[in-house]
Amino acid sequence: MKLNNHKNVSFLISGSGSNLLEILKKNHKDKNFKIVTIISNNKISTKIKSYVSKFYKDVLVIEHQRKLQKKIFYNTEVIFSVGYMRVIEKNIIENFDIINLHPSILPYYKGLMTQKRMLINNEKYHGFTIHKVSPELDDGKTISNKTKKINTKNESELMKKHKSLEHQFVYKQFVDYLLN
């Protein structure tokens, strides 16, 4: 599944970045796209910074970025929001191809605390959605999603299973998006 014309990709994160680290590792092996920038509104984990400094020396890493600006995304073709917990500014949305990884099957459970709300409502399935970013929160066109049966009532356990599902499928679905 190699891309002949490598797209330039920037990533947005807020948390520990476990999905991003999985993407970095798989892309280092497959070389399906070029990573331009990794931006976080918080501190970026040591694991990610170490991996980037070892295998992606030319990637710009920006921490504690409070406001996104167009100039940060110089030479970026696609922005992938992978656990970025901020609303993206309208001028960025209007000028870039931006997609988001959301931890539920949209249009259900927009926003935060998705697993908790699924358990409260006795949902049968959990999963994730990759969608286009629009000015409305978690409302852009769905690109892909993946579901799995819920077999626990424990929120921590469901969150672990959810992360495992994302780690298994997000990279492939992202590369499929780049190919289309």
Protein backbone atom coordinates (compact mmCIF):
# COMPACT_ATOMS: atom_id res chain seq x y z
CA MET A 1 0.00 0.00 0.00
CA LYS A 2 2.82 2.44 -0.89
CA LEU A 3 2.03 5.96 -1.99
CA ASN A 4 3.90 7.09 -5.09
CA ASN A 5 3.28 10.75 -4.43
CA HIS A 6 4.00 11.19 -0.73
CA LYS A 7 1.70 13.71 0.92
CA ASN A 8 3.04 16.14 3.49
CA VAL A 9 1.21 15.61 6.77
CA SER A 10 1.09 17.53 10.04
CA PHE A 11 -0.35 16.12 13.26
CA LEU A 12 -2.21 17.78 16.13
CA ILE A 13 -2.26 16.15 19.58
CA SER A 14 -3.13 17.10 23.16
CA GLY A 15 -2.62 13.96 25.22
CA SER A 16 0.04 11.29 25.52
CA GLY A 17 -0.05 10.63 21.80
CA SER A 18 -0.29 6.82 21.85
CA ASN A 19 -2.11 6.83 18.50
CA LEU A 20 0.47 9.17 16.99
CA LEU A 21 3.31 6.96 18.20
CA GLU A 22 1.69 3.94 16.51
CA ILE A 23 1.29 5.96 13.31
CA LEU A 24 4.94 7.10 13.46
CA LYS A 25 6.20 3.54 13.91
CA LYS A 26 4.10 2.12 11.06
CA ASN A 27 4.97 4.98 8.72
CA HIS A 28 8.68 4.64 9.50
CA LYS A 29 8.45 1.08 8.19
CA ASP A 30 6.06 1.72 5.26
CA LYS A 31 7.06 5.31 4.28
CA ASN A 32 3.55 6.17 3.04
CA PHE A 33 3.69 9.90 3.76
CA LYS A 34 6.09 12.63 4.85
CA ILE A 35 5.61 14.13 8.29
CA VAL A 36 6.14 17.89 8.38
CA THR A 37 5.06 19.03 11.85
CA ILE A 38 3.78 17.64 15.14
CA ILE A 39 1.95 20.23 17.22
CA SER A 40 0.53 19.98 20.73
CA ASN A 41 -1.21 22.48 22.93
CA ASN A 42 0.51 20.64 25.83
CA LYS A 43 3.86 19.00 26.49
CA ILE A 44 4.69 16.18 24.04
CA SER A 45 5.61 12.85 25.60
CA THR A 46 9.25 11.81 25.88
CA LYS A 47 8.45 8.64 23.90
CA ILE A 48 7.26 10.66 20.91
CA LYS A 49 10.10 13.19 21.09
CA SER A 50 12.68 10.39 21.33
CA TYR A 51 11.16 8.48 18.42
CA VAL A 52 10.98 11.60 16.26
CA SER A 53 14.58 12.62 17.04
CA LYS A 54 15.77 9.13 16.09
CA PHE A 55 13.71 8.41 12.96
CA TYR A 56 12.23 11.74 11.78
CA LYS A 57 15.03 14.24 12.26
CA ASP A 58 13.56 16.86 9.90
CA VAL A 59 10.12 17.01 11.59
CA LEU A 60 9.28 20.23 13.40
CA VAL A 61 7.94 19.51 16.91
CA ILE A 62 6.00 22.31 18.62
CA GLU A 63 4.78 22.09 22.22
CA HIS A 64 2.46 24.36 24.21
CA GLN A 65 1.00 25.94 21.05
CA ARG A 66 -2.04 27.87 22.25
CA LYS A 67 -3.25 29.21 18.89
CA LEU A 68 -2.85 27.55 15.51
CA GLN A 69 -1.52 29.80 12.76
CA LYS A 70 -1.37 29.16 9.02
CA LYS A 71 2.41 29.69 8.88
CA ILE A 72 2.97 26.69 11.20
CA PHE A 73 1.52 24.45 8.50
CA TYR A 74 3.87 25.61 5.75
CA ASN A 75 4.18 22.84 3.14
CA THR A 76 1.39 20.77 4.77
CA GLU A 77 -1.19 19.07 2.56
CA VAL A 78 -3.17 17.18 5.22
CA ILE A 79 -3.57 17.90 8.94
CA PHE A 80 -4.57 14.92 11.10
CA SER A 81 -6.00 15.75 14.50
CA VAL A 82 -5.25 12.68 16.62
CA GLY A 83 -6.54 13.38 20.11
CA TYR A 84 -6.31 17.16 19.79
CA MET A 85 -8.67 18.53 22.43
CA ARG A 86 -9.14 22.05 21.13
CA VAL A 87 -11.49 23.63 18.64
CA ILE A 88 -9.55 24.34 15.44
CA GLU A 89 -9.72 27.94 14.27
CA LYS A 90 -11.99 28.67 11.30
CA ASN A 91 -9.18 30.20 9.20
CA ILE A 92 -7.21 26.95 9.53
CA ILE A 93 -10.26 24.82 8.63
CA GLU A 94 -10.91 26.98 5.55
CA ASN A 95 -7.33 26.73 4.28
CA PHE A 96 -6.33 23.10 4.88
CA ASP A 97 -7.52 19.54 4.42
CA ILE A 98 -8.08 18.56 8.06
CA ILE A 99 -9.32 15.26 9.41
CA ASN A 100 -10.01 14.20 12.99
CA LEU A 101 -9.94 10.92 14.89
CA HIS A 102 -13.00 10.86 17.17
CA PRO A 103 -13.46 8.16 19.84
CA SER A 104 -17.06 7.21 18.97
CA ILE A 105 -19.16 6.31 15.99
CA LEU A 106 -20.39 9.68 14.84
CA PRO A 107 -22.94 11.23 14.82
CA TYR A 108 -23.36 9.69 18.30
CA TYR A 109 -21.41 10.91 21.30
CA LYS A 110 -19.86 14.07 19.96
CA GLY A 111 -17.47 15.84 22.31
CA LEU A 112 -15.84 14.40 25.42
CA MET A 113 -16.26 11.38 27.73
CA THR A 114 -17.56 9.15 24.94
CA GLN A 115 -16.87 5.76 26.55
CA LYS A 116 -18.48 6.80 29.83
CA ARG A 117 -21.62 7.97 28.02
CA MET A 118 -21.76 4.75 25.98
CA LEU A 119 -21.67 2.65 29.15
CA ILE A 120 -24.31 4.81 30.88
CA ASN A 121 -26.58 4.33 27.86
CA ASN A 122 -25.91 0.57 27.67
CA GLU A 123 -24.63 0.76 24.10
CA LYS A 124 -23.79 -2.54 22.41
CA TYR A 125 -20.85 -1.23 20.31
CA HIS A 126 -17.96 1.18 20.65
CA GLY A 127 -15.52 2.42 18.04
CA PHE A 128 -14.00 5.40 16.35
CA THR A 129 -14.65 7.69 13.41
CA ILE A 130 -12.23 9.53 11.16
CA HIS A 131 -14.02 12.56 9.74
CA LYS A 132 -13.43 15.84 7.96
CA VAL A 133 -13.13 18.79 10.31
CA SER A 134 -15.83 21.42 9.90
CA PRO A 135 -16.58 24.57 11.92
CA GLU A 136 -19.18 22.58 13.93
CA LEU A 137 -17.78 20.24 16.59
CA ASP A 138 -17.44 16.62 15.38
CA ASP A 139 -19.84 17.28 12.52
CA GLY A 140 -17.77 16.88 9.34
CA LYS A 141 -18.26 14.21 6.68
CA THR A 142 -17.34 10.70 7.85
CA ILE A 143 -14.34 9.22 6.06
CA SER A 144 -14.19 5.88 7.86
CA ASN A 145 -15.02 4.17 11.11
CA LYS A 146 -14.56 0.92 12.97
CA THR A 147 -16.80 -0.72 15.56
CA LYS A 148 -16.44 -3.51 18.08
CA LYS A 149 -18.86 -5.10 20.53
CA ILE A 150 -18.75 -3.78 24.09
CA ASN A 151 -18.14 -6.66 26.49
CA THR A 152 -17.45 -4.78 29.72
CA LYS A 153 -19.18 -2.37 32.08
CA ASN A 154 -15.85 -0.99 33.33
CA GLU A 155 -14.90 2.39 31.82
CA SER A 156 -11.12 1.91 32.22
CA GLU A 157 -11.29 -1.49 30.57
CA LEU A 158 -13.41 -0.12 27.72
CA MET A 159 -10.94 2.73 27.20
CA LYS A 160 -8.05 0.22 26.91
CA LYS A 161 -10.00 -1.87 24.41
CA HIS A 162 -10.88 1.28 22.52
CA LYS A 163 -7.21 2.38 22.29
CA SER A 164 -6.27 -1.10 21.10
CA LEU A 165 -8.90 -0.87 18.34
CA GLU A 166 -7.57 2.53 17.27
CA HIS A 167 -3.94 1.35 17.33
CA GLN A 168 -4.89 -1.60 15.15
CA PHE A 169 -6.85 0.26 12.45
CA VAL A 170 -6.25 4.05 12.40
CA TYR A 171 -2.99 3.97 10.41
CA LYS A 172 -4.47 1.86 7.59
CA GLN A 173 -7.60 3.99 7.41
CA PHE A 174 -5.49 7.16 7.32
CA VAL A 175 -3.31 5.81 4.49
CA ASP A 176 -6.46 4.76 2.61
CA TYR A 177 -7.69 8.36 2.95
CA LEU A 178 -4.40 9.69 1.53
CA LEU A 179 -4.74 7.37 -1.46
CA ASN A 180 -8.20 8.72 -2.40
